[in-house]
């Protein structure tokens, strides 16, 4: 990326920006072998794809529709981009056996705090909790919820509290 004149952003190690005469010409989001390319001019995008194709075997899937479990929808006339993780969230709910859970509008009261006295300390409490939760793997569930906060800022407080 550096060879092609990109600068890695401070905000995200996966986001690269290329400038020309003070203007952004390309934005590249890279995650392992998935790349999303955006820019105001199609010529720069075509040039970058040709550059990549010289050193790597690439598959051009056309306009971005999905990336990393996120559905991308564009409304060009209004200049809007919508990101949606509904399919990912439904898959996560199914994977953790939570299909019969009751949805709520707010997952946690904003002023709620978890305190040490709420920790499970006795074997009986731990056993009762395990019976109640089944085989849910807590860290995997929290990681999945963290990923969902990209498009669901309404759950960020609750997820941040349980991390």
Protein backbone atom coordinates (compact mmCIF):
# COMPACT_ATOMS: atom_id res chain seq x y z
CA UNK A 1 0.00 0.00 0.00
CA UNK A 2 2.86 2.34 0.84
CA UNK A 3 4.47 1.48 -2.54
CA UNK A 4 1.34 2.84 -4.28
CA UNK A 5 1.42 6.06 -2.22
CA UNK A 6 -1.09 5.28 0.52
CA UNK A 7 -0.93 6.39 4.13
CA UNK A 8 -2.25 4.14 6.89
CA UNK A 9 -4.76 5.98 9.10
CA UNK A 10 -4.36 6.44 12.83
CA UNK A 11 -8.00 5.51 13.44
CA UNK A 12 -7.83 2.08 11.81
CA UNK A 13 -4.82 0.00 10.75
CA UNK A 14 -6.93 -1.50 7.96
CA UNK A 15 -7.83 1.84 6.34
CA UNK A 16 -5.47 3.43 3.82
CA UNK A 17 -5.89 6.81 2.17
CA UNK A 18 -4.24 8.21 -0.93
CA UNK A 19 -4.08 11.96 -1.48
CA UNK A 20 -3.27 13.94 -4.59
CA UNK A 21 -2.90 17.72 -4.48
CA UNK A 22 -4.59 17.88 -1.08
CA UNK A 23 -7.61 15.82 -2.12
CA UNK A 24 -8.48 12.24 -1.24
CA UNK A 25 -8.29 10.12 -4.38
CA UNK A 26 -8.77 6.66 -2.88
CA UNK A 27 -9.87 4.99 0.34
CA UNK A 28 -8.90 1.35 0.72
CA UNK A 29 -10.18 -0.89 3.50
CA UNK A 30 -8.17 -4.11 3.79
CA UNK A 31 -8.98 -7.11 5.94
CA UNK A 32 -6.81 -10.17 5.23
CA UNK A 33 -7.81 -10.91 1.62
CA UNK A 34 -10.89 -8.71 1.38
CA UNK A 35 -10.53 -5.19 0.01
CA UNK A 36 -13.10 -2.42 -0.39
CA UNK A 37 -12.12 0.47 -2.65
CA UNK A 38 -13.80 3.87 -2.72
CA UNK A 39 -12.97 7.11 -4.42
CA UNK A 40 -14.49 10.08 -6.20
CA UNK A 41 -12.99 9.10 -9.58
CA UNK A 42 -13.32 5.72 -11.28
CA UNK A 43 -9.95 6.19 -13.03
CA UNK A 44 -8.07 5.96 -9.74
CA UNK A 45 -9.99 2.84 -8.78
CA UNK A 46 -9.21 1.14 -12.11
CA UNK A 47 -5.56 2.14 -11.82
CA UNK A 48 -5.31 0.70 -8.33
CA UNK A 49 -6.93 -2.57 -9.40
CA UNK A 50 -4.43 -2.84 -12.29
CA UNK A 51 -1.59 -2.17 -9.85
CA UNK A 52 -2.79 -4.98 -7.58
CA UNK A 53 -3.36 -7.36 -10.49
CA UNK A 54 0.33 -7.12 -11.45
CA UNK A 55 1.46 -8.73 -8.18
CA UNK A 56 -1.59 -10.64 -6.99
CA UNK A 57 -4.35 -12.77 -8.41
CA UNK A 58 -7.47 -10.70 -7.74
CA UNK A 59 -11.17 -11.29 -8.16
CA UNK A 60 -13.22 -8.17 -8.82
CA UNK A 61 -16.70 -8.70 -7.39
CA UNK A 62 -17.96 -5.36 -8.67
CA UNK A 63 -19.79 -2.88 -6.50
CA UNK A 64 -19.52 -3.55 -2.79
CA UNK A 65 -22.55 -5.44 -1.49
CA UNK A 66 -21.18 -7.38 1.51
CA UNK A 67 -18.00 -7.20 3.51
CA UNK A 68 -17.25 -9.07 6.71
CA UNK A 69 -20.89 -9.78 7.48
CA UNK A 70 -22.03 -6.24 6.74
CA UNK A 71 -24.59 -5.59 4.00
CA UNK A 72 -23.78 -2.36 2.15
CA UNK A 73 -26.58 -0.52 0.36
CA UNK A 74 -26.07 2.74 -1.49
CA UNK A 75 -28.60 5.45 -2.26
CA UNK A 76 -26.68 7.43 -4.86
CA UNK A 77 -29.24 10.22 -5.43
CA UNK A 78 -29.25 11.06 -1.71
CA UNK A 79 -25.52 10.30 -1.26
CA UNK A 80 -26.23 7.81 1.54
CA UNK A 81 -24.55 4.54 2.38
CA UNK A 82 -26.39 2.12 4.68
CA UNK A 83 -24.65 -0.60 6.66
CA UNK A 84 -26.74 -3.48 7.93
CA UNK A 85 -25.78 -6.51 9.99
CA UNK A 86 -29.22 -8.09 10.36
CA UNK A 87 -28.15 -11.37 8.77
CA UNK A 88 -25.05 -11.52 10.97
CA UNK A 89 -27.11 -10.75 14.08
CA UNK A 90 -29.73 -13.39 13.22
CA UNK A 91 -26.94 -15.92 12.61
CA UNK A 92 -25.35 -15.02 15.96
CA UNK A 93 -28.69 -15.39 17.75
CA UNK A 94 -29.13 -18.85 16.20
CA UNK A 95 -25.53 -19.93 16.96
CA UNK A 96 -25.91 -19.12 20.64
CA UNK A 97 -29.35 -20.72 20.90
CA UNK A 98 -31.11 -17.46 21.69
CA UNK A 99 -33.90 -17.60 19.09
CA UNK A 100 -36.56 -17.77 21.80
CA UNK A 101 -35.21 -14.74 23.67
CA UNK A 102 -37.51 -11.81 24.23
CA UNK A 103 -36.40 -8.66 22.37
CA UNK A 104 -36.23 -5.41 24.31
CA UNK A 105 -35.95 -1.84 23.07
CA UNK A 106 -33.09 -0.99 25.44
CA UNK A 107 -30.82 -3.87 26.44
CA UNK A 108 -29.70 -2.22 29.68
CA UNK A 109 -30.59 0.84 31.70
CA UNK A 110 -28.04 3.56 30.94
CA UNK A 111 -27.10 4.16 34.58
CA UNK A 112 -26.73 0.45 35.34
CA UNK A 113 -23.44 -0.72 36.87
CA UNK A 114 -22.10 -4.20 37.35
CA UNK A 115 -20.57 -4.54 40.79
CA UNK A 116 -18.38 -7.14 42.43
CA UNK A 117 -21.18 -8.32 44.71
CA UNK A 118 -22.94 -9.62 41.58
CA UNK A 119 -20.13 -12.09 40.90
CA UNK A 120 -20.93 -15.74 41.26
CA UNK A 121 -18.86 -16.94 44.17
CA UNK A 122 -20.25 -20.24 45.41
CA UNK A 123 -20.32 -23.51 43.50
CA UNK A 124 -24.11 -23.56 43.81
CA UNK A 125 -24.41 -20.10 42.21
CA UNK A 126 -22.04 -21.08 39.41
CA UNK A 127 -23.93 -24.35 38.81
CA UNK A 128 -27.30 -22.56 38.76
CA UNK A 129 -25.93 -20.00 36.31
CA UNK A 130 -24.51 -22.70 34.04
CA UNK A 131 -27.84 -24.55 34.10
CA UNK A 132 -29.61 -21.31 33.22
CA UNK A 133 -27.26 -20.29 30.38
CA UNK A 134 -26.62 -23.73 28.93
CA UNK A 135 -23.45 -23.99 26.87
CA UNK A 136 -23.20 -20.33 25.87
CA UNK A 137 -19.54 -19.37 25.53
CA UNK A 138 -19.42 -15.96 27.16
CA UNK A 139 -16.30 -14.59 25.44
CA UNK A 140 -17.50 -15.67 21.99
CA UNK A 141 -20.89 -14.10 22.62
CA UNK A 142 -19.37 -10.82 23.82
CA UNK A 143 -17.01 -10.78 20.82
CA UNK A 144 -19.96 -11.28 18.48
CA UNK A 145 -21.82 -8.45 20.19
CA UNK A 146 -18.77 -6.20 19.90
CA UNK A 147 -18.72 -6.82 16.16
CA UNK A 148 -22.44 -5.96 15.94
CA UNK A 149 -21.88 -2.57 17.61
CA UNK A 150 -20.52 -1.30 14.27
CA UNK A 151 -24.06 -0.84 13.05
CA UNK A 152 -25.89 -0.94 16.39
CA UNK A 153 -24.62 1.96 18.48
CA UNK A 154 -27.67 1.53 20.73
CA UNK A 155 -26.08 -1.57 22.29
CA UNK A 156 -22.57 -0.15 22.75
CA UNK A 157 -23.09 0.84 26.40
CA UNK A 158 -24.43 -2.59 27.40
CA UNK A 159 -21.74 -4.46 25.48
CA UNK A 160 -19.01 -2.22 26.86
CA UNK A 161 -20.22 -2.92 30.36
CA UNK A 162 -19.93 -6.70 30.01
CA UNK A 163 -16.56 -6.72 28.26
